[in-house]
Amino acid sequence: MLASLILIFISISLAVCGQVSLKIGMNKIGEISTLHTSQLFQTIIKMLLNPNVFFGLFLYFLAALIWLVVLSRVDLSFAYPMMGLSYVIVLIISSIFLGENVTILRWLGAFVICTGVVLISRT
């Protein structure tokens, strides 16, 4: 079980790092307001050629591979709620490293998520 928990946390960590990398990349690209058919291909190429976006997708791919190993070992009803921790970690990283404004309501939500993860992991 310990090995499975470690793999869950590795998968979560890779997914979180991927999400942050995607956000950094998209900040460099800028807001995408509307996509006309003529701009769709150019926008996709621009995103995929951005190193942060590409790296973020790569990290998500690695996270998914590890997640498949996790699913082969433990019940989905145990493993999947653990992914809720990714929301909490992203919230913390967004606040500290990306300078995003995180409201008290979001922090309260993070506390509820953590409480739920603790409860699920004990049963």
N, C-alpha and C. Protein backbone atom coordinates (compact mmCIF):
# COMPACT_ATOMS: atom_id res chain seq x y z
N MET A 1 0.82 -1.20 0.00
CA MET A 1 0.00 0.00 0.00
C MET A 1 0.86 1.26 0.00
N LEU A 2 1.98 1.23 0.71
CA LEU A 2 2.86 2.40 0.76
C LEU A 2 3.38 2.75 -0.64
N ALA A 3 3.76 1.72 -1.39
CA ALA A 3 4.25 1.97 -2.75
C ALA A 3 3.17 2.61 -3.61
N SER A 4 1.93 2.17 -3.44
CA SER A 4 0.83 2.75 -4.21
C SER A 4 0.59 4.19 -3.81
N LEU A 5 0.67 4.51 -2.54
CA LEU A 5 0.52 5.90 -2.09
C LEU A 5 1.62 6.78 -2.66
N ILE A 6 2.83 6.27 -2.69
CA ILE A 6 3.95 7.03 -3.26
C ILE A 6 3.70 7.29 -4.74
N LEU A 7 3.22 6.28 -5.45
CA LEU A 7 2.92 6.46 -6.87
C LEU A 7 1.78 7.47 -7.08
N ILE A 8 0.78 7.43 -6.20
CA ILE A 8 -0.31 8.41 -6.28
C ILE A 8 0.25 9.82 -6.13
N PHE A 9 1.11 10.02 -5.15
CA PHE A 9 1.66 11.36 -4.92
C PHE A 9 2.62 11.79 -6.03
N ILE A 10 3.31 10.84 -6.64
CA ILE A 10 4.16 11.18 -7.79
C ILE A 10 3.28 11.62 -8.96
N SER A 11 2.21 10.87 -9.19
CA SER A 11 1.29 11.23 -10.28
C SER A 11 0.67 12.60 -10.04
N ILE A 12 0.25 12.85 -8.80
CA ILE A 12 -0.32 14.16 -8.46
C ILE A 12 0.71 15.26 -8.68
N SER A 13 1.93 15.04 -8.23
CA SER A 13 2.98 16.05 -8.38
C SER A 13 3.27 16.36 -9.84
N LEU A 14 3.34 15.32 -10.66
CA LEU A 14 3.58 15.55 -12.09
C LEU A 14 2.43 16.31 -12.74
N ALA A 15 1.19 15.95 -12.36
CA ALA A 15 0.02 16.64 -12.91
C ALA A 15 0.01 18.11 -12.49
N VAL A 16 0.34 18.38 -11.24
CA VAL A 16 0.38 19.76 -10.75
C VAL A 16 1.47 20.55 -11.48
N CYS A 17 2.65 19.98 -11.60
CA CYS A 17 3.73 20.66 -12.31
C CYS A 17 3.34 20.90 -13.77
N GLY A 18 2.66 19.92 -14.36
CA GLY A 18 2.18 20.08 -15.72
C GLY A 18 1.19 21.23 -15.84
N GLN A 19 0.28 21.32 -14.89
CA GLN A 19 -0.73 22.38 -14.91
C GLN A 19 -0.08 23.76 -14.78
N VAL A 20 0.89 23.87 -13.88
CA VAL A 20 1.59 25.15 -13.69
C VAL A 20 2.39 25.51 -14.94
N SER A 21 3.02 24.53 -15.54
CA SER A 21 3.77 24.79 -16.77
C SER A 21 2.84 25.23 -17.89
N LEU A 22 1.68 24.59 -17.99
CA LEU A 22 0.70 25.01 -19.00
C LEU A 22 0.26 26.45 -18.77
N LYS A 23 0.01 26.81 -17.53
CA LYS A 23 -0.42 28.18 -17.20
C LYS A 23 0.66 29.19 -17.56
N ILE A 24 1.90 28.90 -17.22
CA ILE A 24 3.01 29.80 -17.54
C ILE A 24 3.11 29.97 -19.06
N GLY A 25 3.00 28.87 -19.78
CA GLY A 25 3.05 28.93 -21.24
C GLY A 25 1.92 29.74 -21.83
N MET A 26 0.72 29.53 -21.32
CA MET A 26 -0.43 30.26 -21.84
C MET A 26 -0.38 31.73 -21.46
N ASN A 27 0.23 32.06 -20.32
CA ASN A 27 0.43 33.47 -19.98
C ASN A 27 1.31 34.14 -21.01
N LYS A 28 2.30 33.41 -21.52
CA LYS A 28 3.19 33.97 -22.53
C LYS A 28 2.48 34.12 -23.88
N ILE A 29 1.58 33.21 -24.17
CA ILE A 29 0.84 33.26 -25.44
C ILE A 29 -0.21 34.36 -25.40
N GLY A 30 -0.86 34.50 -24.26
CA GLY A 30 -1.89 35.52 -24.13
C GLY A 30 -3.28 34.92 -24.20
N GLU A 31 -4.24 35.76 -23.96
CA GLU A 31 -5.63 35.32 -23.92
C GLU A 31 -6.11 34.89 -25.30
N ILE A 32 -6.83 33.79 -25.31
CA ILE A 32 -7.46 33.32 -26.54
C ILE A 32 -8.94 33.63 -26.40
N SER A 33 -9.40 34.63 -27.13
CA SER A 33 -10.79 35.07 -26.95
C SER A 33 -11.74 34.26 -27.83
N THR A 34 -11.51 34.24 -29.11
CA THR A 34 -12.34 33.45 -30.01
C THR A 34 -11.45 32.79 -31.03
N LEU A 35 -11.89 31.64 -31.45
CA LEU A 35 -11.13 30.93 -32.47
C LEU A 35 -11.97 30.79 -33.73
N HIS A 36 -11.56 31.47 -34.75
CA HIS A 36 -12.18 31.28 -36.05
C HIS A 36 -11.48 30.11 -36.71
N THR A 37 -12.13 29.45 -37.60
CA THR A 37 -11.56 28.29 -38.26
C THR A 37 -10.20 28.60 -38.87
N SER A 38 -10.05 29.79 -39.41
CA SER A 38 -8.78 30.16 -40.03
C SER A 38 -7.67 30.33 -39.01
N GLN A 39 -8.03 30.67 -37.76
CA GLN A 39 -7.02 30.88 -36.72
C GLN A 39 -6.76 29.64 -35.87
N LEU A 40 -7.64 28.66 -35.95
CA LEU A 40 -7.55 27.49 -35.10
C LEU A 40 -6.22 26.77 -35.25
N PHE A 41 -5.83 26.47 -36.47
CA PHE A 41 -4.59 25.75 -36.71
C PHE A 41 -3.38 26.55 -36.23
N GLN A 42 -3.37 27.85 -36.51
CA GLN A 42 -2.25 28.70 -36.09
C GLN A 42 -2.15 28.75 -34.57
N THR A 43 -3.28 28.82 -33.90
CA THR A 43 -3.28 28.88 -32.44
C THR A 43 -2.78 27.58 -31.84
N ILE A 44 -3.20 26.45 -32.39
CA ILE A 44 -2.74 25.15 -31.89
C ILE A 44 -1.24 25.01 -32.08
N ILE A 45 -0.74 25.40 -33.23
CA ILE A 45 0.71 25.34 -33.49
C ILE A 45 1.47 26.23 -32.52
N LYS A 46 0.95 27.43 -32.31
CA LYS A 46 1.59 28.38 -31.39
C LYS A 46 1.67 27.79 -29.97
N MET A 47 0.59 27.12 -29.55
CA MET A 47 0.59 26.52 -28.22
C MET A 47 1.58 25.36 -28.13
N LEU A 48 1.56 24.50 -29.12
CA LEU A 48 2.43 23.32 -29.08
C LEU A 48 3.90 23.67 -29.22
N LEU A 49 4.19 24.79 -29.87
CA LEU A 49 5.59 25.21 -30.01
C LEU A 49 6.10 25.98 -28.80
N ASN A 50 5.20 26.34 -27.90
CA ASN A 50 5.62 27.00 -26.67
C ASN A 50 6.25 25.95 -25.75
N PRO A 51 7.50 26.14 -25.32
CA PRO A 51 8.17 25.12 -24.51
C PRO A 51 7.43 24.79 -23.21
N ASN A 52 6.85 25.78 -22.57
CA ASN A 52 6.13 25.52 -21.32
C ASN A 52 4.88 24.68 -21.56
N VAL A 53 4.16 24.97 -22.61
CA VAL A 53 2.96 24.20 -22.93
C VAL A 53 3.35 22.77 -23.29
N PHE A 54 4.36 22.63 -24.14
CA PHE A 54 4.82 21.30 -24.53
C PHE A 54 5.27 20.50 -23.31
N PHE A 55 6.05 21.13 -22.43
CA PHE A 55 6.54 20.45 -21.23
C PHE A 55 5.38 20.08 -20.31
N GLY A 56 4.40 20.97 -20.18
CA GLY A 56 3.23 20.68 -19.37
C GLY A 56 2.47 19.47 -19.87
N LEU A 57 2.29 19.38 -21.18
CA LEU A 57 1.62 18.22 -21.77
C LEU A 57 2.42 16.94 -21.54
N PHE A 58 3.74 17.05 -21.65
CA PHE A 58 4.61 15.91 -21.40
C PHE A 58 4.48 15.42 -19.95
N LEU A 59 4.45 16.37 -19.00
CA LEU A 59 4.29 15.99 -17.60
C LEU A 59 2.94 15.32 -17.35
N TYR A 60 1.90 15.83 -18.00
CA TYR A 60 0.58 15.20 -17.89
C TYR A 60 0.62 13.77 -18.42
N PHE A 61 1.33 13.57 -19.51
CA PHE A 61 1.47 12.23 -20.08
C PHE A 61 2.15 11.29 -19.09
N LEU A 62 3.24 11.75 -18.48
CA LEU A 62 3.93 10.92 -17.47
C LEU A 62 3.02 10.64 -16.28
N ALA A 63 2.29 11.65 -15.83
CA ALA A 63 1.35 11.47 -14.72
C ALA A 63 0.31 10.41 -15.07
N ALA A 64 -0.17 10.43 -16.31
CA ALA A 64 -1.18 9.45 -16.74
C ALA A 64 -0.61 8.04 -16.76
N LEU A 65 0.64 7.89 -17.20
CA LEU A 65 1.27 6.57 -17.20
C LEU A 65 1.39 6.02 -15.78
N ILE A 66 1.82 6.86 -14.86
CA ILE A 66 1.94 6.41 -13.47
C ILE A 66 0.56 6.13 -12.90
N TRP A 67 -0.43 6.93 -13.28
CA TRP A 67 -1.79 6.71 -12.81
C TRP A 67 -2.32 5.34 -13.24
N LEU A 68 -1.95 4.91 -14.44
CA LEU A 68 -2.35 3.58 -14.90
C LEU A 68 -1.77 2.49 -14.00
N VAL A 69 -0.55 2.68 -13.56
CA VAL A 69 0.05 1.73 -12.61
C VAL A 69 -0.73 1.73 -11.30
N VAL A 70 -1.08 2.92 -10.82
CA VAL A 70 -1.86 3.05 -9.59
C VAL A 70 -3.19 2.31 -9.73
N LEU A 71 -3.87 2.51 -10.84
CA LEU A 71 -5.18 1.88 -11.04
C LEU A 71 -5.09 0.36 -11.10
N SER A 72 -3.93 -0.14 -11.49
CA SER A 72 -3.76 -1.59 -11.52
C SER A 72 -3.55 -2.17 -10.12
N ARG A 73 -3.30 -1.31 -9.13
CA ARG A 73 -2.97 -1.76 -7.78
C ARG A 73 -4.04 -1.52 -6.73
N VAL A 74 -4.78 -0.40 -6.85
CA VAL A 74 -5.71 -0.05 -5.78
C VAL A 74 -7.10 0.26 -6.36
N ASP A 75 -8.09 0.28 -5.49
CA ASP A 75 -9.45 0.61 -5.90
C ASP A 75 -9.52 2.05 -6.38
N LEU A 76 -10.29 2.26 -7.41
CA LEU A 76 -10.50 3.60 -7.93
C LEU A 76 -11.17 4.49 -6.88
N SER A 77 -12.06 3.91 -6.10
CA SER A 77 -12.77 4.68 -5.07
C SER A 77 -11.84 5.17 -3.97
N PHE A 78 -10.67 4.57 -3.87
CA PHE A 78 -9.64 5.04 -2.93
C PHE A 78 -8.70 6.03 -3.61
N ALA A 79 -8.24 5.68 -4.80
CA ALA A 79 -7.20 6.46 -5.47
C ALA A 79 -7.71 7.80 -6.00
N TYR A 80 -8.86 7.79 -6.65
CA TYR A 80 -9.31 9.00 -7.33
C TYR A 80 -9.57 10.18 -6.40
N PRO A 81 -10.18 9.96 -5.24
CA PRO A 81 -10.35 11.12 -4.34
C PRO A 81 -9.02 11.75 -3.92
N MET A 82 -7.95 10.98 -3.93
CA MET A 82 -6.63 11.54 -3.60
C MET A 82 -6.23 12.61 -4.60
N MET A 83 -6.74 12.50 -5.84
CA MET A 83 -6.43 13.50 -6.85
C MET A 83 -6.94 14.87 -6.45
N GLY A 84 -7.87 14.91 -5.51
CA GLY A 84 -8.36 16.18 -5.00
C GLY A 84 -7.24 17.02 -4.40
N LEU A 85 -6.21 16.35 -3.92
CA LEU A 85 -5.06 17.09 -3.37
C LEU A 85 -4.40 17.96 -4.43
N SER A 86 -4.54 17.58 -5.69
CA SER A 86 -3.93 18.40 -6.74
C SER A 86 -4.56 19.79 -6.76
N TYR A 87 -5.86 19.89 -6.47
CA TYR A 87 -6.51 21.20 -6.42
C TYR A 87 -5.89 22.06 -5.31
N VAL A 88 -5.63 21.45 -4.19
CA VAL A 88 -5.07 22.17 -3.05
C VAL A 88 -3.64 22.63 -3.35
N ILE A 89 -2.86 21.75 -3.93
CA ILE A 89 -1.46 22.07 -4.24
C ILE A 89 -1.41 23.17 -5.31
N VAL A 90 -2.27 23.08 -6.32
CA VAL A 90 -2.32 24.12 -7.35
C VAL A 90 -2.71 25.46 -6.74
N LEU A 91 -3.64 25.44 -5.80
CA LEU A 91 -4.05 26.66 -5.11
C LEU A 91 -2.86 27.31 -4.40
N ILE A 92 -2.10 26.50 -3.69
CA ILE A 92 -0.93 27.01 -2.95
C ILE A 92 0.11 27.57 -3.92
N ILE A 93 0.43 26.81 -4.96
CA ILE A 93 1.44 27.25 -5.93
C ILE A 93 0.97 28.50 -6.67
N SER A 94 -0.32 28.54 -7.03
CA SER A 94 -0.84 29.71 -7.72
C SER A 94 -0.71 30.97 -6.88
N SER A 95 -0.93 30.80 -5.59
CA SER A 95 -0.83 31.94 -4.68
C SER A 95 0.61 32.39 -4.51
N ILE A 96 1.50 31.45 -4.26
CA ILE A 96 2.89 31.78 -3.93
C ILE A 96 3.71 32.14 -5.16
N PHE A 97 3.67 31.29 -6.19
CA PHE A 97 4.58 31.46 -7.31
C PHE A 97 4.00 32.23 -8.49
N LEU A 98 2.67 32.16 -8.66
CA LEU A 98 2.07 32.88 -9.79
C LEU A 98 1.44 34.20 -9.36
N GLY A 99 1.44 34.45 -8.06
CA GLY A 99 0.91 35.71 -7.55
C GLY A 99 -0.58 35.89 -7.71
N GLU A 100 -1.30 34.79 -7.83
CA GLU A 100 -2.75 34.89 -7.99
C GLU A 100 -3.43 35.19 -6.65
N ASN A 101 -4.52 35.92 -6.72
CA ASN A 101 -5.29 36.26 -5.53
C ASN A 101 -6.19 35.08 -5.18
N VAL A 102 -5.95 34.48 -4.03
CA VAL A 102 -6.75 33.34 -3.58
C VAL A 102 -7.62 33.80 -2.43
N THR A 103 -8.92 33.73 -2.62
CA THR A 103 -9.86 34.23 -1.62
C THR A 103 -9.99 33.26 -0.45
N ILE A 104 -10.53 33.76 0.63
CA ILE A 104 -10.74 32.94 1.82
C ILE A 104 -11.69 31.78 1.51
N LEU A 105 -12.64 32.00 0.62
CA LEU A 105 -13.58 30.94 0.24
C LEU A 105 -12.85 29.79 -0.46
N ARG A 106 -11.87 30.12 -1.28
CA ARG A 106 -11.07 29.07 -1.94
C ARG A 106 -10.24 28.31 -0.92
N TRP A 107 -9.66 29.04 0.07
CA TRP A 107 -8.89 28.36 1.12
C TRP A 107 -9.80 27.43 1.93
N LEU A 108 -11.01 27.88 2.19
CA LEU A 108 -11.97 27.04 2.91
C LEU A 108 -12.29 25.79 2.09
N GLY A 109 -12.48 25.95 0.81
CA GLY A 109 -12.71 24.80 -0.07
C GLY A 109 -11.54 23.83 -0.04
N ALA A 110 -10.32 24.35 -0.02
CA ALA A 110 -9.13 23.50 0.05
C ALA A 110 -9.12 22.70 1.36
N PHE A 111 -9.52 23.34 2.44
CA PHE A 111 -9.60 22.66 3.73
C PHE A 111 -10.62 21.52 3.68
N VAL A 112 -11.75 21.78 3.06
CA VAL A 112 -12.80 20.74 2.93
C VAL A 112 -12.27 19.58 2.10
N ILE A 113 -11.57 19.87 1.02
CA ILE A 113 -10.99 18.82 0.19
C ILE A 113 -10.02 17.97 0.99
N CYS A 114 -9.12 18.63 1.73
CA CYS A 114 -8.14 17.89 2.55
C CYS A 114 -8.83 17.02 3.59
N THR A 115 -9.88 17.54 4.20
CA THR A 115 -10.64 16.77 5.19
C THR A 115 -11.24 15.53 4.52
N GLY A 116 -11.80 15.71 3.35
CA GLY A 116 -12.38 14.58 2.61
C GLY A 116 -11.34 13.54 2.25
N VAL A 117 -10.18 13.98 1.82
CA VAL A 117 -9.11 13.03 1.47
C VAL A 117 -8.68 12.23 2.68
N VAL A 118 -8.56 12.90 3.82
CA VAL A 118 -8.18 12.20 5.07
C VAL A 118 -9.25 11.16 5.42
N LEU A 119 -10.51 11.54 5.33
CA LEU A 119 -11.59 10.61 5.65
C LEU A 119 -11.61 9.40 4.71
N ILE A 120 -11.43 9.65 3.44
CA ILE A 120 -11.45 8.55 2.47
C ILE A 120 -10.24 7.63 2.65
N SER A 121 -9.10 8.20 2.98
CA SER A 121 -7.89 7.38 3.12
C SER A 121 -7.92 6.50 4.36
N ARG A 122 -8.77 6.80 5.31
CA ARG A 122 -8.85 6.03 6.56
C ARG A 122 -9.84 4.89 6.49
N THR A 123 -10.64 4.83 5.44
CA THR A 123 -11.65 3.77 5.39
C THR A 123 -11.27 2.66 4.46
